Amino acid sequence: PWTTADGRPCYLSAQGPDSRLSRMADEVETE
């Protein structure tokens, strides 16, 4: 739910939704 400094999309390569970064993304989405 955020972009790079130059506005490009960011992606997460993770096997599951329980990684620390995935949980942080969930929190940002909720906010």
PDB file of all heavy atoms in Angstrom:
ATOM      1  N   PRO A   1       0.808  -1.237   0.000  1.00  0.00           N
ATOM      2  CA  PRO A   1       0.000   0.000   0.000  1.00  0.00           C
ATOM      3  C   PRO A   1       0.833   1.275   0.000  1.00  0.00           C
ATOM      4  O   PRO A   1       0.375   2.314   0.465  1.00  0.00           O
ATOM      5  CB  PRO A   1      -0.829  -0.139   1.282  1.00  0.00           C
ATOM      6  CG  PRO A   1       0.022  -0.935   2.194  1.00  0.00           C
ATOM      7  CD  PRO A   1       0.763  -1.906   1.297  1.00  0.00           C
ATOM      8  N   TRP A   2       2.055   1.219  -0.498  1.00  0.00           N
ATOM      9  CA  TRP A   2       2.886   2.411  -0.627  1.00  0.00           C
ATOM     10  C   TRP A   2       3.701   2.276  -1.912  1.00  0.00           C
ATOM     11  O   TRP A   2       3.731   1.231  -2.532  1.00  0.00           O
ATOM     12  CB  TRP A   2       3.795   2.608   0.581  1.00  0.00           C
ATOM     13  CG  TRP A   2       4.616   1.409   0.939  1.00  0.00           C
ATOM     14  CD1 TRP A   2       5.778   0.992   0.338  1.00  0.00           C
ATOM     15  CD2 TRP A   2       4.352   0.457   1.969  1.00  0.00           C
ATOM     16  NE1 TRP A   2       6.243  -0.148   0.926  1.00  0.00           N
ATOM     17  CE2 TRP A   2       5.391  -0.507   1.939  1.00  0.00           C
ATOM     18  CE3 TRP A   2       3.349   0.322   2.925  1.00  0.00           C
ATOM     19  CZ2 TRP A   2       5.457  -1.578   2.814  1.00  0.00           C
ATOM     20  CZ3 TRP A   2       3.413  -0.758   3.793  1.00  0.00           C
ATOM     21  CH2 TRP A   2       4.450  -1.689   3.735  1.00  0.00           C
ATOM     22  N   THR A   3       4.326   3.383  -2.298  1.00  0.00           N
ATOM     23  CA  THR A   3       5.124   3.405  -3.520  1.00  0.00           C
ATOM     24  C   THR A   3       6.563   3.792  -3.192  1.00  0.00           C
ATOM     25  O   THR A   3       6.859   4.209  -2.071  1.00  0.00           O
ATOM     26  CB  THR A   3       4.564   4.428  -4.536  1.00  0.00           C
ATOM     27  OG1 THR A   3       4.575   5.718  -3.942  1.00  0.00           O
ATOM     28  CG2 THR A   3       3.144   4.062  -4.968  1.00  0.00           C
ATOM     29  N   THR A   4       7.426   3.670  -4.189  1.00  0.00           N
ATOM     30  CA  THR A   4       8.804   4.114  -4.038  1.00  0.00           C
ATOM     31  C   THR A   4       8.833   5.640  -4.036  1.00  0.00           C
ATOM     32  O   THR A   4       7.821   6.284  -4.314  1.00  0.00           O
ATOM     33  CB  THR A   4       9.678   3.591  -5.192  1.00  0.00           C
ATOM     34  OG1 THR A   4       9.199   4.158  -6.420  1.00  0.00           O
ATOM     35  CG2 THR A   4       9.662   2.075  -5.265  1.00  0.00           C
ATOM     36  N   ALA A   5       9.989   6.211  -3.774  1.00  0.00           N
ATOM     37  CA  ALA A   5      10.130   7.671  -3.750  1.00  0.00           C
ATOM     38  C   ALA A   5       9.765   8.294  -5.091  1.00  0.00           C
ATOM     39  O   ALA A   5       9.277   9.426  -5.141  1.00  0.00           O
ATOM     40  CB  ALA A   5      11.559   8.054  -3.361  1.00  0.00           C
ATOM     41  N   ASP A   6       9.955   7.560  -6.182  1.00  0.00           N
ATOM     42  CA  ASP A   6       9.617   8.101  -7.501  1.00  0.00           C
ATOM     43  C   ASP A   6       8.238   7.652  -7.987  1.00  0.00           C
ATOM     44  O   ASP A   6       7.904   7.793  -9.154  1.00  0.00           O
ATOM     45  CB  ASP A   6      10.699   7.776  -8.531  1.00  0.00           C
ATOM     46  CG  ASP A   6      10.914   6.289  -8.734  1.00  0.00           C
ATOM     47  OD1 ASP A   6      10.351   5.477  -7.959  1.00  0.00           O
ATOM     48  OD2 ASP A   6      11.645   5.924  -9.673  1.00  0.00           O
ATOM     49  N   GLY A   7       7.426   7.108  -7.067  1.00  0.00           N
ATOM     50  CA  GLY A   7       6.028   6.805  -7.385  1.00  0.00           C
ATOM     51  C   GLY A   7       5.759   5.446  -7.999  1.00  0.00           C
ATOM     52  O   GLY A   7       4.636   5.160  -8.397  1.00  0.00           O
ATOM     53  N   ARG A   8       6.764   4.589  -8.073  1.00  0.00           N
ATOM     54  CA  ARG A   8       6.546   3.251  -8.636  1.00  0.00           C
ATOM     55  C   ARG A   8       5.974   2.310  -7.577  1.00  0.00           C
ATOM     56  O   ARG A   8       6.233   2.478  -6.386  1.00  0.00           O
ATOM     57  CB  ARG A   8       7.851   2.692  -9.187  1.00  0.00           C
ATOM     58  CG  ARG A   8       8.361   3.502 -10.372  1.00  0.00           C
ATOM     59  CD  ARG A   8       9.576   2.910 -10.987  1.00  0.00           C
ATOM     60  NE  ARG A   8      10.476   2.403  -9.954  1.00  0.00           N
ATOM     61  CZ  ARG A   8      11.686   1.946 -10.183  1.00  0.00           C
ATOM     62  NH1 ARG A   8      12.165   1.934 -11.395  1.00  0.00           N
ATOM     63  NH2 ARG A   8      12.435   1.491  -9.199  1.00  0.00           N
ATOM     64  N   PRO A   9       5.197   1.297  -8.003  1.00  0.00           N
ATOM     65  CA  PRO A   9       4.610   0.373  -7.029  1.00  0.00           C
ATOM     66  C   PRO A   9       5.678  -0.473  -6.337  1.00  0.00           C
ATOM     67  O   PRO A   9       6.731  -0.739  -6.908  1.00  0.00           O
ATOM     68  CB  PRO A   9       3.681  -0.505  -7.873  1.00  0.00           C
ATOM     69  CG  PRO A   9       4.075  -0.294  -9.282  1.00  0.00           C
ATOM     70  CD  PRO A   9       4.808   0.999  -9.370  1.00  0.00           C
ATOM     71  N   CYS A  10       5.384  -0.869  -5.119  1.00  0.00           N
ATOM     72  CA  CYS A  10       6.250  -1.761  -4.341  1.00  0.00           C
ATOM     73  C   CYS A  10       5.550  -3.108  -4.205  1.00  0.00           C
ATOM     74  O   CYS A  10       4.334  -3.161  -4.009  1.00  0.00           O
ATOM     75  CB  CYS A  10       6.499  -1.194  -2.945  1.00  0.00           C
ATOM     76  SG  CYS A  10       7.507   0.270  -2.912  1.00  0.00           S
ATOM     77  N   TYR A  11       6.327  -4.158  -4.278  1.00  0.00           N
ATOM     78  CA  TYR A  11       5.791  -5.511  -4.163  1.00  0.00           C
ATOM     79  C   TYR A  11       6.552  -6.269  -3.085  1.00  0.00           C
ATOM     80  O   TYR A  11       7.718  -5.998  -2.826  1.00  0.00           O
ATOM     81  CB  TYR A  11       5.916  -6.264  -5.482  1.00  0.00           C
ATOM     82  CG  TYR A  11       5.074  -5.684  -6.586  1.00  0.00           C
ATOM     83  CD1 TYR A  11       5.582  -4.717  -7.438  1.00  0.00           C
ATOM     84  CD2 TYR A  11       3.766  -6.102  -6.765  1.00  0.00           C
ATOM     85  CE1 TYR A  11       4.807  -4.170  -8.451  1.00  0.00           C
ATOM     86  CE2 TYR A  11       2.982  -5.565  -7.776  1.00  0.00           C
ATOM     87  CZ  TYR A  11       3.511  -4.599  -8.614  1.00  0.00           C
ATOM     88  OH  TYR A  11       2.734  -4.060  -9.613  1.00  0.00           O
ATOM     89  N   LEU A  12       5.882  -7.238  -2.489  1.00  0.00           N
ATOM     90  CA  LEU A  12       6.473  -8.084  -1.462  1.00  0.00           C
ATOM     91  C   LEU A  12       6.470  -9.518  -1.953  1.00  0.00           C
ATOM     92  O   LEU A  12       5.425 -10.040  -2.366  1.00  0.00           O
ATOM     93  CB  LEU A  12       5.679  -7.982  -0.156  1.00  0.00           C
ATOM     94  CG  LEU A  12       6.073  -8.933   0.973  1.00  0.00           C
ATOM     95  CD1 LEU A  12       7.503  -8.659   1.427  1.00  0.00           C
ATOM     96  CD2 LEU A  12       5.108  -8.792   2.131  1.00  0.00           C
ATOM     97  N   SER A  13       7.639 -10.143  -1.912  1.00  0.00           N
ATOM     98  CA  SER A  13       7.746 -11.555  -2.247  1.00  0.00           C
ATOM     99  C   SER A  13       7.774 -12.321  -0.933  1.00  0.00           C
ATOM    100  O   SER A  13       8.771 -12.313  -0.221  1.00  0.00           O
ATOM    101  CB  SER A  13       9.031 -11.824  -3.036  1.00  0.00           C
ATOM    102  OG  SER A  13       9.173 -13.202  -3.273  1.00  0.00           O
ATOM    103  N   ALA A  14       6.671 -12.929  -0.588  1.00  0.00           N
ATOM    104  CA  ALA A  14       6.569 -13.676   0.669  1.00  0.00           C
ATOM    105  C   ALA A  14       5.674 -14.883   0.454  1.00  0.00           C
ATOM    106  O   ALA A  14       4.708 -14.827  -0.303  1.00  0.00           O
ATOM    107  CB  ALA A  14       6.003 -12.794   1.773  1.00  0.00           C
ATOM    108  N   GLN A  15       5.989 -15.941   1.136  1.00  0.00           N
ATOM    109  CA  GLN A  15       5.213 -17.163   0.991  1.00  0.00           C
ATOM    110  C   GLN A  15       3.925 -17.159   1.807  1.00  0.00           C
ATOM    111  O   GLN A  15       3.059 -17.977   1.582  1.00  0.00           O
ATOM    112  CB  GLN A  15       6.072 -18.372   1.396  1.00  0.00           C
ATOM    113  CG  GLN A  15       7.273 -18.570   0.494  1.00  0.00           C
ATOM    114  CD  GLN A  15       6.871 -18.877  -0.939  1.00  0.00           C
ATOM    115  OE1 GLN A  15       5.893 -19.565  -1.172  1.00  0.00           O
ATOM    116  NE2 GLN A  15       7.617 -18.357  -1.888  1.00  0.00           N
ATOM    117  N   GLY A  16       3.795 -16.261   2.743  1.00  0.00           N
ATOM    118  CA  GLY A  16       2.594 -16.255   3.571  1.00  0.00           C
ATOM    119  C   GLY A  16       2.285 -14.882   4.116  1.00  0.00           C
ATOM    120  O   GLY A  16       3.111 -13.974   4.068  1.00  0.00           O
ATOM    121  N   PRO A  17       1.093 -14.728   4.678  1.00  0.00           N
ATOM    122  CA  PRO A  17       0.650 -13.427   5.180  1.00  0.00           C
ATOM    123  C   PRO A  17       1.170 -13.089   6.575  1.00  0.00           C
ATOM    124  O   PRO A  17       0.819 -12.059   7.124  1.00  0.00           O
ATOM    125  CB  PRO A  17      -0.869 -13.566   5.188  1.00  0.00           C
ATOM    126  CG  PRO A  17      -1.091 -15.020   5.441  1.00  0.00           C
ATOM    127  CD  PRO A  17       0.034 -15.726   4.755  1.00  0.00           C
ATOM    128  N   ASP A  18       2.009 -13.953   7.159  1.00  0.00           N
ATOM    129  CA  ASP A  18       2.421 -13.747   8.539  1.00  0.00           C
ATOM    130  C   ASP A  18       3.803 -13.128   8.691  1.00  0.00           C
ATOM    131  O   ASP A  18       4.310 -13.031   9.803  1.00  0.00           O
ATOM    132  CB  ASP A  18       2.358 -15.070   9.305  1.00  0.00           C
ATOM    133  CG  ASP A  18       0.934 -15.580   9.437  1.00  0.00           C
ATOM    134  OD1 ASP A  18       0.021 -14.743   9.575  1.00  0.00           O
ATOM    135  OD2 ASP A  18       0.739 -16.800   9.386  1.00  0.00           O
ATOM    136  N   SER A  19       4.417 -12.696   7.594  1.00  0.00           N
ATOM    137  CA  SER A  19       5.723 -12.058   7.724  1.00  0.00           C
ATOM    138  C   SER A  19       5.554 -10.681   8.373  1.00  0.00           C
ATOM    139  O   SER A  19       4.472 -10.087   8.347  1.00  0.00           O
ATOM    140  CB  SER A  19       6.393 -11.915   6.357  1.00  0.00           C
ATOM    141  OG  SER A  19       5.754 -10.914   5.595  1.00  0.00           O
ATOM    142  N   ARG A  20       6.614 -10.187   8.930  1.00  0.00           N
ATOM    143  CA  ARG A  20       6.572  -8.883   9.609  1.00  0.00           C
ATOM    144  C   ARG A  20       6.156  -7.770   8.645  1.00  0.00           C
ATOM    145  O   ARG A  20       5.324  -6.932   8.977  1.00  0.00           O
ATOM    146  CB  ARG A  20       7.946  -8.598  10.200  1.00  0.00           C
ATOM    147  CG  ARG A  20       8.034  -7.369  11.014  1.00  0.00           C
ATOM    148  CD  ARG A  20       9.412  -7.270  11.616  1.00  0.00           C
ATOM    149  NE  ARG A  20       9.468  -6.144  12.522  1.00  0.00           N
ATOM    150  CZ  ARG A  20      10.522  -5.834  13.228  1.00  0.00           C
ATOM    151  NH1 ARG A  20      11.603  -6.563  13.152  1.00  0.00           N
ATOM    152  NH2 ARG A  20      10.497  -4.798  14.030  1.00  0.00           N
ATOM    153  N   LEU A  21       6.722  -7.770   7.438  1.00  0.00           N
ATOM    154  CA  LEU A  21       6.389  -6.734   6.461  1.00  0.00           C
ATOM    155  C   LEU A  21       4.949  -6.872   5.975  1.00  0.00           C
ATOM    156  O   LEU A  21       4.258  -5.879   5.771  1.00  0.00           O
ATOM    157  CB  LEU A  21       7.359  -6.796   5.280  1.00  0.00           C
ATOM    158  CG  LEU A  21       7.293  -5.648   4.290  1.00  0.00           C
ATOM    159  CD1 LEU A  21       7.444  -4.296   4.987  1.00  0.00           C
ATOM    160  CD2 LEU A  21       8.356  -5.808   3.223  1.00  0.00           C
ATOM    161  N   SER A  22       4.483  -8.094   5.834  1.00  0.00           N
ATOM    162  CA  SER A  22       3.099  -8.317   5.416  1.00  0.00           C
ATOM    163  C   SER A  22       2.123  -7.809   6.473  1.00  0.00           C
ATOM    164  O   SER A  22       1.114  -7.175   6.149  1.00  0.00           O
ATOM    165  CB  SER A  22       2.872  -9.802   5.144  1.00  0.00           C
ATOM    166  OG  SER A  22       1.595 -10.019   4.602  1.00  0.00           O
ATOM    167  N   ARG A  23       2.430  -8.054   7.727  1.00  0.00           N
ATOM    168  CA  ARG A  23       1.569  -7.552   8.811  1.00  0.00           C
ATOM    169  C   ARG A  23       1.591  -6.027   8.861  1.00  0.00           C
ATOM    170  O   ARG A  23       0.566  -5.395   9.076  1.00  0.00           O
ATOM    171  CB  ARG A  23       1.991  -8.152  10.153  1.00  0.00           C
ATOM    172  CG  ARG A  23       1.622  -9.622  10.311  1.00  0.00           C
ATOM    173  CD  ARG A  23       1.800 -10.126  11.743  1.00  0.00           C
ATOM    174  NE  ARG A  23       3.068  -9.788  12.331  1.00  0.00           N
ATOM    175  CZ  ARG A  23       4.187 -10.518  12.269  1.00  0.00           C
ATOM    176  NH1 ARG A  23       4.167 -11.664  11.605  1.00  0.00           N
ATOM    177  NH2 ARG A  23       5.294 -10.114  12.852  1.00  0.00           N
ATOM    178  N   MET A  24       2.766  -5.425   8.619  1.00  0.00           N
ATOM    179  CA  MET A  24       2.841  -3.969   8.598  1.00  0.00           C
ATOM    180  C   MET A  24       2.010  -3.417   7.435  1.00  0.00           C
ATOM    181  O   MET A  24       1.296  -2.422   7.596  1.00  0.00           O
ATOM    182  CB  MET A  24       4.291  -3.504   8.461  1.00  0.00           C
ATOM    183  CG  MET A  24       4.413  -1.992   8.505  1.00  0.00           C
ATOM    184  SD  MET A  24       6.089  -1.352   8.616  1.00  0.00           S
ATOM    185  CE  MET A  24       6.780  -1.868   7.077  1.00  0.00           C
ATOM    186  N   ALA A  25       2.055  -4.082   6.281  1.00  0.00           N
ATOM    187  CA  ALA A  25       1.241  -3.651   5.140  1.00  0.00           C
ATOM    188  C   ALA A  25      -0.241  -3.757   5.475  1.00  0.00           C
ATOM    189  O   ALA A  25      -1.026  -2.874   5.108  1.00  0.00           O
ATOM    190  CB  ALA A  25       1.581  -4.483   3.904  1.00  0.00           C
ATOM    191  N   ASP A  26      -0.630  -4.818   6.175  1.00  0.00           N
ATOM    192  CA  ASP A  26      -2.029  -4.963   6.599  1.00  0.00           C
ATOM    193  C   ASP A  26      -2.445  -3.788   7.486  1.00  0.00           C
ATOM    194  O   ASP A  26      -3.553  -3.249   7.352  1.00  0.00           O
ATOM    195  CB  ASP A  26      -2.240  -6.272   7.373  1.00  0.00           C
ATOM    196  CG  ASP A  26      -2.145  -7.509   6.509  1.00  0.00           C
ATOM    197  OD1 ASP A  26      -2.260  -7.398   5.267  1.00  0.00           O
ATOM    198  OD2 ASP A  26      -1.948  -8.607   7.079  1.00  0.00           O
ATOM    199  N   GLU A  27      -1.565  -3.396   8.418  1.00  0.00           N
ATOM    200  CA  GLU A  27      -1.861  -2.274   9.310  1.00  0.00           C
ATOM    201  C   GLU A  27      -1.990  -0.969   8.534  1.00  0.00           C
ATOM    202  O   GLU A  27      -2.902  -0.171   8.799  1.00  0.00           O
ATOM    203  CB  GLU A  27      -0.772  -2.158  10.378  1.00  0.00           C
ATOM    204  CG  GLU A  27      -0.775  -3.289  11.383  1.00  0.00           C
ATOM    205  CD  GLU A  27       0.425  -3.270  12.308  1.00  0.00           C
ATOM    206  OE1 GLU A  27       1.187  -2.266  12.304  1.00  0.00           O
ATOM    207  OE2 GLU A  27       0.623  -4.253  13.041  1.00  0.00           O
ATOM    208  N   VAL A  28      -1.095  -0.754   7.576  1.00  0.00           N
ATOM    209  CA  VAL A  28      -1.158   0.467   6.766  1.00  0.00           C
ATOM    210  C   VAL A  28      -2.451   0.478   5.957  1.00  0.00           C
ATOM    211  O   VAL A  28      -3.127   1.513   5.855  1.00  0.00           O
ATOM    212  CB  VAL A  28       0.081   0.596   5.855  1.00  0.00           C
ATOM    213  CG1 VAL A  28      -0.092   1.716   4.835  1.00  0.00           C
ATOM    214  CG2 VAL A  28       1.331   0.833   6.697  1.00  0.00           C
ATOM    215  N   GLU A  29      -2.823  -0.667   5.375  1.00  0.00           N
ATOM    216  CA  GLU A  29      -4.086  -0.746   4.627  1.00  0.00           C
ATOM    217  C   GLU A  29      -5.267  -0.385   5.513  1.00  0.00           C
ATOM    218  O   GLU A  29      -6.163   0.363   5.102  1.00  0.00           O
ATOM    219  CB  GLU A  29      -4.282  -2.140   4.037  1.00  0.00           C
ATOM    220  CG  GLU A  29      -3.405  -2.430   2.848  1.00  0.00           C
ATOM    221  CD  GLU A  29      -3.630  -3.812   2.278  1.00  0.00           C
ATOM    222  OE1 GLU A  29      -4.376  -4.620   2.879  1.00  0.00           O
ATOM    223  OE2 GLU A  29      -3.064  -4.095   1.208  1.00  0.00           O
ATOM    224  N   THR A  30      -5.291  -0.904   6.729  1.00  0.00           N
ATOM    225  CA  THR A  30      -6.378  -0.605   7.662  1.00  0.00           C
ATOM    226  C   THR A  30      -6.439   0.888   7.963  1.00  0.00           C
ATOM    227  O   THR A  30      -7.522   1.492   7.974  1.00  0.00           O
ATOM    228  CB  THR A  30      -6.193  -1.418   8.963  1.00  0.00           C
ATOM    229  OG1 THR A  30      -6.246  -2.810   8.642  1.00  0.00           O
ATOM    230  CG2 THR A  30      -7.273  -1.093   9.980  1.00  0.00           C
ATOM    231  N   GLU A  31      -5.279   1.511   8.180  1.00  0.00           N
ATOM    232  CA  GLU A  31      -5.235   2.951   8.436  1.00  0.00           C
ATOM    233  C   GLU A  31      -5.708   3.743   7.220  1.00  0.00           C
ATOM    234  O   GLU A  31      -6.451   4.727   7.362  1.00  0.00           O
ATOM    235  CB  GLU A  31      -3.822   3.377   8.817  1.00  0.00           C
ATOM    236  CG  GLU A  31      -3.392   2.868  10.182  1.00  0.00           C
ATOM    237  CD  GLU A  31      -1.927   3.143  10.476  1.00  0.00           C
ATOM    238  OE1 GLU A  31      -1.278   3.893   9.718  1.00  0.00           O
ATOM    239  OE2 GLU A  31      -1.428   2.600  11.474  1.00  0.00           O
TER     240      GLU A  31
END
